[in-house]
């Protein structure tokens, strides 16, 4: 399974929903809280090609985007294939 990384902030409902979907699928992920770390936020923005909202989700080298994109991939059946590597 590819490495899953998610950039979040503490009071973000979309972050909570995205993490819940990943947890439901049994996916372990590395979480980076950008709310208290300006350097981490800059890293996220750079990796996400200018996107500054949270969450920003990466599966391996693939940038998924945010919560809505994650759920859309799941509904389309593409998320499981990506997670399987």
PDB file of N, CA and C in Angstrom:
ATOM      1  N   UNK A   1       0.845  -1.176   0.000  1.00  0.00           N
ATOM      2  CA  UNK A   1       0.000   0.000   0.000  1.00  0.00           C
ATOM      3  C   UNK A   1       0.895   1.245   0.000  1.00  0.00           C
ATOM      4  N   UNK A   2       0.600   2.200  -0.854  1.00  0.00           N
ATOM      5  CA  UNK A   2       1.392   3.433  -0.898  1.00  0.00           C
ATOM      6  C   UNK A   2       1.221   4.245   0.390  1.00  0.00           C
ATOM      7  N   UNK A   3       2.202   5.075   0.662  1.00  0.00           N
ATOM      8  CA  UNK A   3       2.154   5.956   1.825  1.00  0.00           C
ATOM      9  C   UNK A   3       1.049   6.991   1.630  1.00  0.00           C
ATOM     10  N   UNK A   4       0.235   7.200   2.672  1.00  0.00           N
ATOM     11  CA  UNK A   4      -0.841   8.173   2.630  1.00  0.00           C
ATOM     12  C   UNK A   4      -0.507   9.297   3.607  1.00  0.00           C
ATOM     13  N   UNK A   5      -0.558  10.531   3.096  1.00  0.00           N
ATOM     14  CA  UNK A   5      -0.268  11.702   3.910  1.00  0.00           C
ATOM     15  C   UNK A   5      -1.436  12.673   3.801  1.00  0.00           C
ATOM     16  N   UNK A   6      -1.789  13.287   4.925  1.00  0.00           N
ATOM     17  CA  UNK A   6      -2.895  14.233   4.933  1.00  0.00           C
ATOM     18  C   UNK A   6      -2.502  15.451   5.769  1.00  0.00           C
ATOM     19  N   UNK A   7      -2.637  16.606   5.142  1.00  0.00           N
ATOM     20  CA  UNK A   7      -2.383  17.876   5.812  1.00  0.00           C
ATOM     21  C   UNK A   7      -3.712  18.371   6.352  1.00  0.00           C
ATOM     22  N   UNK A   8      -3.744  18.707   7.643  1.00  0.00           N
ATOM     23  CA  UNK A   8      -4.990  19.068   8.314  1.00  0.00           C
ATOM     24  C   UNK A   8      -4.799  20.296   9.196  1.00  0.00           C
ATOM     25  N   UNK A   9      -5.912  20.745   9.764  1.00  0.00           N
ATOM     26  CA  UNK A   9      -5.883  21.707  10.860  1.00  0.00           C
ATOM     27  C   UNK A   9      -6.904  21.245  11.896  1.00  0.00           C
ATOM     28  N   UNK A  10      -6.760  21.712  13.107  1.00  0.00           N
ATOM     29  CA  UNK A  10      -7.478  21.160  14.253  1.00  0.00           C
ATOM     30  C   UNK A  10      -9.004  21.233  14.140  1.00  0.00           C
ATOM     31  N   UNK A  11      -9.571  22.366  13.813  1.00  0.00           N
ATOM     32  CA  UNK A  11     -11.018  22.528  13.812  1.00  0.00           C
ATOM     33  C   UNK A  11     -11.636  22.379  12.428  1.00  0.00           C
ATOM     34  N   UNK A  12     -11.103  21.513  11.623  1.00  0.00           N
ATOM     35  CA  UNK A  12     -11.551  21.358  10.239  1.00  0.00           C
ATOM     36  C   UNK A  12     -12.478  20.142  10.113  1.00  0.00           C
ATOM     37  N   UNK A  13     -13.752  20.410   9.837  1.00  0.00           N
ATOM     38  CA  UNK A  13     -14.712  19.325   9.664  1.00  0.00           C
ATOM     39  C   UNK A  13     -14.419  18.459   8.449  1.00  0.00           C
ATOM     40  N   UNK A  14     -13.932  19.072   7.374  1.00  0.00           N
ATOM     41  CA  UNK A  14     -13.582  18.297   6.176  1.00  0.00           C
ATOM     42  C   UNK A  14     -12.409  17.364   6.458  1.00  0.00           C
ATOM     43  N   UNK A  15     -11.473  17.823   7.275  1.00  0.00           N
ATOM     44  CA  UNK A  15     -10.334  16.982   7.660  1.00  0.00           C
ATOM     45  C   UNK A  15     -10.827  15.766   8.438  1.00  0.00           C
ATOM     46  N   UNK A  16     -11.760  16.002   9.348  1.00  0.00           N
ATOM     47  CA  UNK A  16     -12.325  14.919  10.147  1.00  0.00           C
ATOM     48  C   UNK A  16     -13.023  13.899   9.256  1.00  0.00           C
ATOM     49  N   UNK A  17     -13.785  14.377   8.281  1.00  0.00           N
ATOM     50  CA  UNK A  17     -14.489  13.470   7.356  1.00  0.00           C
ATOM     51  C   UNK A  17     -13.507  12.661   6.518  1.00  0.00           C
ATOM     52  N   UNK A  18     -12.458  13.311   6.021  1.00  0.00           N
ATOM     53  CA  UNK A  18     -11.470  12.615   5.197  1.00  0.00           C
ATOM     54  C   UNK A  18     -10.753  11.544   6.014  1.00  0.00           C
ATOM     55  N   UNK A  19     -10.354  11.883   7.230  1.00  0.00           N
ATOM     56  CA  UNK A  19      -9.676  10.914   8.089  1.00  0.00           C
ATOM     57  C   UNK A  19     -10.608   9.760   8.434  1.00  0.00           C
ATOM     58  N   UNK A  20     -11.893  10.047   8.620  1.00  0.00           N
ATOM     59  CA  UNK A  20     -12.860   8.993   8.937  1.00  0.00           C
ATOM     60  C   UNK A  20     -12.997   8.002   7.784  1.00  0.00           C
ATOM     61  N   UNK A  21     -13.023   8.497   6.548  1.00  0.00           N
ATOM     62  CA  UNK A  21     -13.115   7.597   5.394  1.00  0.00           C
ATOM     63  C   UNK A  21     -11.869   6.719   5.306  1.00  0.00           C
ATOM     64  N   UNK A  22     -10.715   7.317   5.480  1.00  0.00           N
ATOM     65  CA  UNK A  22      -9.481   6.529   5.431  1.00  0.00           C
ATOM     66  C   UNK A  22      -9.459   5.483   6.546  1.00  0.00           C
ATOM     67  N   UNK A  23      -9.882   5.869   7.750  1.00  0.00           N
ATOM     68  CA  UNK A  23      -9.914   4.930   8.869  1.00  0.00           C
ATOM     69  C   UNK A  23     -10.907   3.806   8.608  1.00  0.00           C
ATOM     70  N   UNK A  24     -12.063   4.139   8.031  1.00  0.00           N
ATOM     71  CA  UNK A  24     -13.074   3.127   7.704  1.00  0.00           C
ATOM     72  C   UNK A  24     -12.515   2.088   6.737  1.00  0.00           C
ATOM     73  N   UNK A  25     -11.635   2.534   5.861  1.00  0.00           N
ATOM     74  CA  UNK A  25     -11.024   1.629   4.890  1.00  0.00           C
ATOM     75  C   UNK A  25      -9.810   0.908   5.470  1.00  0.00           C
ATOM     76  N   UNK A  26      -9.471   1.200   6.722  1.00  0.00           N
ATOM     77  CA  UNK A  26      -8.339   0.547   7.368  1.00  0.00           C
ATOM     78  C   UNK A  26      -6.991   1.068   6.903  1.00  0.00           C
ATOM     79  N   UNK A  27      -6.975   2.306   6.404  1.00  0.00           N
ATOM     80  CA  UNK A  27      -5.761   2.904   5.860  1.00  0.00           C
ATOM     81  C   UNK A  27      -5.052   3.683   6.962  1.00  0.00           C
ATOM     82  N   UNK A  28      -3.799   3.370   7.181  1.00  0.00           N
ATOM     83  CA  UNK A  28      -3.015   4.191   8.097  1.00  0.00           C
ATOM     84  C   UNK A  28      -2.454   5.365   7.300  1.00  0.00           C
ATOM     85  N   UNK A  29      -2.322   6.480   7.978  1.00  0.00           N
ATOM     86  CA  UNK A  29      -1.860   7.681   7.283  1.00  0.00           C
ATOM     87  C   UNK A  29      -1.015   8.515   8.232  1.00  0.00           C
ATOM     88  N   UNK A  30      -0.183   9.337   7.635  1.00  0.00           N
ATOM     89  CA  UNK A  30       0.612  10.290   8.386  1.00  0.00           C
ATOM     90  C   UNK A  30      -0.085  11.637   8.290  1.00  0.00           C
ATOM     91  N   UNK A  31      -0.331  12.239   9.444  1.00  0.00           N
ATOM     92  CA  UNK A  31      -1.058  13.514   9.496  1.00  0.00           C
ATOM     93  C   UNK A  31      -0.103  14.644   9.858  1.00  0.00           C
ATOM     94  N   UNK A  32      -0.254  15.755   9.144  1.00  0.00           N
ATOM     95  CA  UNK A  32       0.533  16.950   9.406  1.00  0.00           C
ATOM     96  C   UNK A  32      -0.426  18.086   9.730  1.00  0.00           C
ATOM     97  N   UNK A  33      -0.341  18.639  10.943  1.00  0.00           N
ATOM     98  CA  UNK A  33      -1.196  19.748  11.357  1.00  0.00           C
ATOM     99  C   UNK A  33      -0.543  21.049  10.912  1.00  0.00           C
ATOM    100  N   UNK A  34      -1.147  21.704   9.944  1.00  0.00           N
ATOM    101  CA  UNK A  34      -0.575  22.943   9.401  1.00  0.00           C
ATOM    102  C   UNK A  34      -1.072  24.182  10.149  1.00  0.00           C
ATOM    103  N   UNK A  35      -2.025  24.003  11.045  1.00  0.00           N
ATOM    104  CA  UNK A  35      -2.595  25.132  11.761  1.00  0.00           C
ATOM    105  C   UNK A  35      -1.604  25.852  12.654  1.00  0.00           C
ATOM    106  N   UNK A  36      -0.669  25.132  13.220  1.00  0.00           N
ATOM    107  CA  UNK A  36       0.275  25.730  14.162  1.00  0.00           C
ATOM    108  C   UNK A  36       1.691  25.810  13.593  1.00  0.00           C
ATOM    109  N   UNK A  37       1.846  25.446  12.343  1.00  0.00           N
ATOM    110  CA  UNK A  37       3.198  25.384  11.783  1.00  0.00           C
ATOM    111  C   UNK A  37       3.226  26.037  10.397  1.00  0.00           C
ATOM    112  N   UNK A  38       3.619  27.301  10.321  1.00  0.00           N
ATOM    113  CA  UNK A  38       3.644  28.010   9.033  1.00  0.00           C
ATOM    114  C   UNK A  38       4.559  27.344   7.996  1.00  0.00           C
ATOM    115  N   UNK A  39       5.656  26.748   8.431  1.00  0.00           N
ATOM    116  CA  UNK A  39       6.554  26.066   7.488  1.00  0.00           C
ATOM    117  C   UNK A  39       5.865  24.846   6.881  1.00  0.00           C
ATOM    118  N   UNK A  40       5.119  24.133   7.710  1.00  0.00           N
ATOM    119  CA  UNK A  40       4.397  22.955   7.221  1.00  0.00           C
ATOM    120  C   UNK A  40       3.306  23.382   6.239  1.00  0.00           C
ATOM    121  N   UNK A  41       2.627  24.504   6.520  1.00  0.00           N
ATOM    122  CA  UNK A  41       1.599  25.011   5.599  1.00  0.00           C
ATOM    123  C   UNK A  41       2.227  25.362   4.256  1.00  0.00           C
ATOM    124  N   UNK A  42       3.394  25.999   4.265  1.00  0.00           N
ATOM    125  CA  UNK A  42       4.090  26.344   3.018  1.00  0.00           C
ATOM    126  C   UNK A  42       4.476  25.086   2.248  1.00  0.00           C
ATOM    127  N   UNK A  43       4.929  24.055   2.961  1.00  0.00           N
ATOM    128  CA  UNK A  43       5.256  22.781   2.311  1.00  0.00           C
ATOM    129  C   UNK A  43       4.018  22.199   1.640  1.00  0.00           C
ATOM    130  N   UNK A  44       2.884  22.240   2.360  1.00  0.00           N
ATOM    131  CA  UNK A  44       1.635  21.721   1.809  1.00  0.00           C
ATOM    132  C   UNK A  44       1.250  22.472   0.544  1.00  0.00           C
ATOM    133  N   UNK A  45       1.293  23.798   0.593  1.00  0.00           N
ATOM    134  CA  UNK A  45       0.912  24.616  -0.556  1.00  0.00           C
ATOM    135  C   UNK A  45       1.806  24.313  -1.753  1.00  0.00           C
ATOM    136  N   UNK A  46       3.076  24.148  -1.498  1.00  0.00           N
ATOM    137  CA  UNK A  46       3.998  23.828  -2.588  1.00  0.00           C
ATOM    138  C   UNK A  46       3.693  22.451  -3.181  1.00  0.00           C
ATOM    139  N   UNK A  47       3.513  21.458  -2.322  1.00  0.00           N
ATOM    140  CA  UNK A  47       3.217  20.100  -2.806  1.00  0.00           C
ATOM    141  C   UNK A  47       1.882  20.038  -3.537  1.00  0.00           C
ATOM    142  N   UNK A  48       0.915  20.853  -3.066  1.00  0.00           N
ATOM    143  CA  UNK A  48      -0.438  20.825  -3.634  1.00  0.00           C
ATOM    144  C   UNK A  48      -0.596  21.828  -4.772  1.00  0.00           C
ATOM    145  N   UNK A  49       0.514  22.285  -5.303  1.00  0.00           N
ATOM    146  CA  UNK A  49       0.521  23.193  -6.463  1.00  0.00           C
ATOM    147  C   UNK A  49      -0.365  24.424  -6.249  1.00  0.00           C
ATOM    148  N   UNK A  50      -0.194  25.055  -5.069  1.00  0.00           N
ATOM    149  CA  UNK A  50      -0.895  26.297  -4.788  1.00  0.00           C
ATOM    150  C   UNK A  50      -2.174  26.168  -3.980  1.00  0.00           C
ATOM    151  N   UNK A  51      -2.673  24.965  -3.799  1.00  0.00           N
ATOM    152  CA  UNK A  51      -3.886  24.778  -2.999  1.00  0.00           C
ATOM    153  C   UNK A  51      -3.569  25.053  -1.535  1.00  0.00           C
ATOM    154  N   UNK A  52      -4.367  25.907  -0.896  1.00  0.00           N
ATOM    155  CA  UNK A  52      -4.064  26.278   0.484  1.00  0.00           C
ATOM    156  C   UNK A  52      -5.122  25.827   1.485  1.00  0.00           C
ATOM    157  N   UNK A  53      -6.202  25.221   1.010  1.00  0.00           N
ATOM    158  CA  UNK A  53      -7.237  24.744   1.927  1.00  0.00           C
ATOM    159  C   UNK A  53      -6.853  23.369   2.472  1.00  0.00           C
ATOM    160  N   UNK A  54      -7.427  23.046   3.615  1.00  0.00           N
ATOM    161  CA  UNK A  54      -7.208  21.717   4.187  1.00  0.00           C
ATOM    162  C   UNK A  54      -8.523  20.958   4.163  1.00  0.00           C
ATOM    163  N   UNK A  55      -8.451  19.645   4.061  1.00  0.00           N
ATOM    164  CA  UNK A  55      -7.242  18.846   3.980  1.00  0.00           C
ATOM    165  C   UNK A  55      -6.660  18.835   2.567  1.00  0.00           C
ATOM    166  N   UNK A  56      -5.404  18.486   2.497  1.00  0.00           N
ATOM    167  CA  UNK A  56      -4.757  18.148   1.233  1.00  0.00           C
ATOM    168  C   UNK A  56      -4.223  16.731   1.427  1.00  0.00           C
ATOM    169  N   UNK A  57      -4.596  15.844   0.518  1.00  0.00           N
ATOM    170  CA  UNK A  57      -4.345  14.415   0.691  1.00  0.00           C
ATOM    171  C   UNK A  57      -3.461  13.918  -0.439  1.00  0.00           C
ATOM    172  N   UNK A  58      -2.471  13.116  -0.059  1.00  0.00           N
ATOM    173  CA  UNK A  58      -1.546  12.518  -1.012  1.00  0.00           C
ATOM    174  C   UNK A  58      -1.510  11.016  -0.778  1.00  0.00           C
ATOM    175  N   UNK A  59      -1.593  10.264  -1.863  1.00  0.00           N
ATOM    176  CA  UNK A  59      -1.431   8.812  -1.812  1.00  0.00           C
ATOM    177  C   UNK A  59      -0.220   8.509  -2.680  1.00  0.00           C
ATOM    178  N   UNK A  60       0.864   8.107  -2.048  1.00  0.00           N
ATOM    179  CA  UNK A  60       2.118   7.962  -2.780  1.00  0.00           C
ATOM    180  C   UNK A  60       2.493   9.304  -3.371  1.00  0.00           C
ATOM    181  N   UNK A  61       2.771   9.339  -4.642  1.00  0.00           N
ATOM    182  CA  UNK A  61       3.120  10.582  -5.343  1.00  0.00           C
ATOM    183  C   UNK A  61       1.898  11.308  -5.898  1.00  0.00           C
ATOM    184  N   UNK A  62       0.712  10.709  -5.748  1.00  0.00           N
ATOM    185  CA  UNK A  62      -0.516  11.258  -6.317  1.00  0.00           C
ATOM    186  C   UNK A  62      -1.180  12.241  -5.356  1.00  0.00           C
ATOM    187  N   UNK A  63      -1.423  13.454  -5.833  1.00  0.00           N
ATOM    188  CA  UNK A  63      -2.153  14.447  -5.052  1.00  0.00           C
ATOM    189  C   UNK A  63      -3.643  14.246  -5.311  1.00  0.00           C
ATOM    190  N   UNK A  64      -4.371  13.866  -4.277  1.00  0.00           N
ATOM    191  CA  UNK A  64      -5.811  13.635  -4.402  1.00  0.00           C
ATOM    192  C   UNK A  64      -6.564  14.960  -4.414  1.00  0.00           C
ATOM    193  N   UNK A  65      -6.155  15.857  -3.544  1.00  0.00           N
ATOM    194  CA  UNK A  65      -6.875  17.111  -3.344  1.00  0.00           C
ATOM    195  C   UNK A  65      -7.458  17.107  -1.952  1.00  0.00           C
ATOM    196  N   UNK A  66      -8.702  17.567  -1.835  1.00  0.00           N
ATOM    197  CA  UNK A  66      -9.334  17.676  -0.535  1.00  0.00           C
ATOM    198  C   UNK A  66     -10.335  16.561  -0.262  1.00  0.00           C
ATOM    199  N   UNK A  67     -11.167  16.809   0.725  1.00  0.00           N
ATOM    200  CA  UNK A  67     -12.155  15.837   1.172  1.00  0.00           C
ATOM    201  C   UNK A  67     -13.147  15.481   0.065  1.00  0.00           C
ATOM    202  N   UNK A  68     -13.658  16.487  -0.636  1.00  0.00           N
ATOM    203  CA  UNK A  68     -14.633  16.218  -1.699  1.00  0.00           C
ATOM    204  C   UNK A  68     -14.044  15.329  -2.783  1.00  0.00           C
ATOM    205  N   UNK A  69     -12.809  15.584  -3.149  1.00  0.00           N
ATOM    206  CA  UNK A  69     -12.151  14.768  -4.183  1.00  0.00           C
ATOM    207  C   UNK A  69     -11.924  13.342  -3.689  1.00  0.00           C
ATOM    208  N   UNK A  70     -11.579  13.202  -2.395  1.00  0.00           N
ATOM    209  CA  UNK A  70     -11.373  11.871  -1.826  1.00  0.00           C
ATOM    210  C   UNK A  70     -12.667  11.058  -1.883  1.00  0.00           C
ATOM    211  N   UNK A  71     -13.777  11.667  -1.474  1.00  0.00           N
ATOM    212  CA  UNK A  71     -15.061  10.964  -1.495  1.00  0.00           C
ATOM    213  C   UNK A  71     -15.512  10.678  -2.929  1.00  0.00           C
ATOM    214  N   UNK A  72     -15.245  11.590  -3.847  1.00  0.00           N
ATOM    215  CA  UNK A  72     -15.604  11.360  -5.250  1.00  0.00           C
ATOM    216  C   UNK A  72     -14.826  10.174  -5.820  1.00  0.00           C
ATOM    217  N   UNK A  73     -13.552  10.095  -5.487  1.00  0.00           N
ATOM    218  CA  UNK A  73     -12.751   8.955  -5.946  1.00  0.00           C
ATOM    219  C   UNK A  73     -13.305   7.654  -5.373  1.00  0.00           C
ATOM    220  N   UNK A  74     -13.724   7.693  -4.117  1.00  0.00           N
ATOM    221  CA  UNK A  74     -14.276   6.498  -3.489  1.00  0.00           C
ATOM    222  C   UNK A  74     -15.570   6.079  -4.178  1.00  0.00           C
ATOM    223  N   UNK A  75     -16.454   7.040  -4.432  1.00  0.00           N
ATOM    224  CA  UNK A  75     -17.731   6.722  -5.111  1.00  0.00           C
ATOM    225  C   UNK A  75     -17.497   6.146  -6.507  1.00  0.00           C
ATOM    226  N   UNK A  76     -16.452   6.614  -7.175  1.00  0.00           N
ATOM    227  CA  UNK A  76     -16.152   6.150  -8.535  1.00  0.00           C
ATOM    228  C   UNK A  76     -15.378   4.828  -8.541  1.00  0.00           C
ATOM    229  N   UNK A  77     -15.040   4.323  -7.355  1.00  0.00           N
ATOM    230  CA  UNK A  77     -14.302   3.066  -7.282  1.00  0.00           C
ATOM    231  C   UNK A  77     -12.815   3.200  -7.560  1.00  0.00           C
ATOM    232  N   UNK A  78     -12.324   4.426  -7.627  1.00  0.00           N
ATOM    233  CA  UNK A  78     -10.917   4.641  -7.957  1.00  0.00           C
ATOM    234  C   UNK A  78     -10.013   4.665  -6.729  1.00  0.00           C
ATOM    235  N   UNK A  79     -10.565   4.973  -5.582  1.00  0.00           N
ATOM    236  CA  UNK A  79      -9.742   5.101  -4.386  1.00  0.00           C
ATOM    237  C   UNK A  79      -9.142   3.766  -3.957  1.00  0.00           C
ATOM    238  N   UNK A  80      -9.944   2.725  -3.947  1.00  0.00           N
ATOM    239  CA  UNK A  80      -9.429   1.409  -3.535  1.00  0.00           C
ATOM    240  C   UNK A  80      -8.302   0.952  -4.441  1.00  0.00           C
ATOM    241  N   UNK A  81      -8.424   1.187  -5.726  1.00  0.00           N
ATOM    242  CA  UNK A  81      -7.356   0.799  -6.668  1.00  0.00           C
ATOM    243  C   UNK A  81      -6.089   1.578  -6.393  1.00  0.00           C
ATOM    244  N   UNK A  82      -6.220   2.870  -6.122  1.00  0.00           N
ATOM    245  CA  UNK A  82      -5.056   3.700  -5.829  1.00  0.00           C
ATOM    246  C   UNK A  82      -4.402   3.253  -4.533  1.00  0.00           C
ATOM    247  N   UNK A  83      -5.203   2.950  -3.526  1.00  0.00           N
ATOM    248  CA  UNK A  83      -4.668   2.517  -2.238  1.00  0.00           C
ATOM    249  C   UNK A  83      -3.995   1.146  -2.326  1.00  0.00           C
ATOM    250  N   UNK A  84      -4.470   0.320  -3.257  1.00  0.00           N
ATOM    251  CA  UNK A  84      -3.888  -1.015  -3.427  1.00  0.00           C
ATOM    252  C   UNK A  84      -2.511  -0.943  -4.081  1.00  0.00           C
ATOM    253  N   UNK A  85      -2.251   0.191  -4.729  1.00  0.00           N
ATOM    254  CA  UNK A  85      -0.930   0.374  -5.357  1.00  0.00           C
ATOM    255  C   UNK A  85      -0.883  -0.294  -6.661  1.00  0.00           C
TER     256      UNK A  85
END
